[in-house]
Amino acid sequence: MIGLFFIRTVRLSGDEALVPSRLLWGIFWVGAAAMVAWPDVLSRLADVVGVGRGVDLAMYVIILGLIFIVFRLWVRMYVLESHITTLVRHIALDERQDRDV
């Protein structure tokens, strides 16, 4: 049912670039619901990894996820700044050529 929701929303939006983002959000929410429904599974996974409690494991994963998101946003901002710089240079050169003519 969740898969059908994601397929339907992508068809309605017409933007297939949203598929990875929606898939990740779907995995996140299904994982969050699973942790609430079966907390002992998270505790067992924490024991396998070597972390004391399941809550600690969840916090470590959340912190790593936030670091990844901050890095991606920084890279996106850097690329946008370079595109804006290029665009402003082209506009300035075009305006100068128009004044010289």
Protein backbone atom coordinates (compact mmCIF):
# COMPACT_ATOMS: atom_id res chain seq x y z
CA MET A 1 0.00 0.00 0.00
CA ILE A 2 2.85 2.40 0.83
CA GLY A 3 4.51 1.56 -2.49
CA LEU A 4 1.34 2.40 -4.37
CA PHE A 5 1.16 5.73 -2.56
CA PHE A 6 4.68 6.64 -3.68
CA ILE A 7 4.06 5.54 -7.26
CA ARG A 8 0.80 7.51 -7.38
CA THR A 9 2.32 10.70 -5.97
CA VAL A 10 5.22 10.54 -8.43
CA ARG A 11 2.80 10.12 -11.33
CA LEU A 12 0.73 13.04 -10.11
CA SER A 13 3.74 15.29 -9.68
CA GLY A 14 5.36 14.20 -12.94
CA ASP A 15 8.82 14.52 -11.42
CA GLU A 16 10.71 11.24 -11.34
CA ALA A 17 13.62 12.92 -9.57
CA LEU A 18 11.51 12.77 -6.41
CA VAL A 19 11.52 8.96 -6.40
CA PRO A 20 14.76 8.49 -4.39
CA SER A 21 13.75 11.17 -1.91
CA ARG A 22 10.31 9.69 -1.35
CA LEU A 23 11.75 6.21 -1.14
CA LEU A 24 14.17 7.30 1.59
CA TRP A 25 11.41 9.05 3.51
CA GLY A 26 9.25 5.94 3.20
CA ILE A 27 12.05 3.74 4.53
CA PHE A 28 12.59 6.21 7.38
CA TRP A 29 8.94 6.20 8.47
CA VAL A 30 8.57 2.43 8.13
CA GLY A 31 11.75 2.01 10.20
CA ALA A 32 10.48 4.45 12.84
CA ALA A 33 7.18 2.59 13.07
CA ALA A 34 9.04 -0.73 13.34
CA MET A 35 11.20 0.60 16.18
CA VAL A 36 8.09 1.68 18.07
CA ALA A 37 6.25 -1.58 17.39
CA TRP A 38 9.17 -3.93 18.13
CA PRO A 39 11.75 -2.20 20.37
CA ASP A 40 13.38 -5.53 21.28
CA VAL A 41 14.59 -5.90 17.67
CA LEU A 42 16.47 -2.62 17.99
CA SER A 43 17.98 -3.77 21.28
CA ARG A 44 19.15 -7.03 19.70
CA LEU A 45 20.63 -5.13 16.78
CA ALA A 46 22.43 -2.87 19.26
CA ASP A 47 23.88 -5.93 20.98
CA VAL A 48 25.12 -7.25 17.63
CA VAL A 49 26.75 -3.92 16.78
CA GLY A 50 28.23 -3.61 20.26
CA VAL A 51 26.22 -0.67 21.56
CA GLY A 52 24.72 -0.85 25.04
CA ARG A 53 21.09 0.03 24.30
CA GLY A 54 18.83 0.27 21.30
CA VAL A 55 18.16 3.94 21.99
CA ASP A 56 21.89 4.64 21.83
CA LEU A 57 22.11 2.91 18.46
CA ALA A 58 19.17 4.95 17.17
CA MET A 59 20.83 8.17 18.35
CA TYR A 60 24.13 7.28 16.65
CA VAL A 61 22.33 6.57 13.39
CA ILE A 62 20.35 9.81 13.64
CA ILE A 63 23.51 11.84 14.30
CA LEU A 64 25.28 10.24 11.33
CA GLY A 65 22.25 10.97 9.17
CA LEU A 66 22.22 14.61 10.23
CA ILE A 67 25.93 14.95 9.45
CA PHE A 68 25.28 13.49 6.00
CA ILE A 69 22.38 15.91 5.41
CA VAL A 70 24.49 18.92 6.46
CA PHE A 71 27.28 17.81 4.10
CA ARG A 72 24.85 17.40 1.18
CA LEU A 73 23.32 20.82 1.84
CA TRP A 74 26.77 22.40 2.00
CA VAL A 75 27.73 20.86 -1.35
CA ARG A 76 24.44 21.99 -2.91
CA MET A 77 24.98 25.53 -1.59
CA TYR A 78 28.54 25.58 -2.99
CA VAL A 79 27.31 24.51 -6.43
CA LEU A 80 24.51 27.09 -6.39
CA GLU A 81 26.96 29.84 -5.43
CA SER A 82 29.22 28.93 -8.34
CA HIS A 83 26.25 28.95 -10.74
CA ILE A 84 25.13 32.35 -9.45
CA THR A 85 28.66 33.72 -9.85
CA THR A 86 28.83 32.48 -13.45
CA LEU A 87 25.40 33.92 -14.21
CA VAL A 88 26.26 37.34 -12.74
CA ARG A 89 29.50 37.45 -14.75
CA HIS A 90 27.63 36.69 -17.99
CA ILE A 91 25.00 39.34 -17.23
CA ALA A 92 27.67 41.93 -16.43
CA LEU A 93 29.54 41.19 -19.66
CA ASP A 94 26.31 41.36 -21.71
CA GLU A 95 25.36 44.72 -20.17
CA ARG A 96 28.83 46.10 -20.83
CA GLN A 97 28.66 45.02 -24.48
CA ASP A 98 25.22 46.63 -24.82
CA ARG A 99 26.59 49.94 -23.43
CA ASP A 100 29.60 49.83 -25.76
CA VAL A 101 27.45 49.44 -28.88
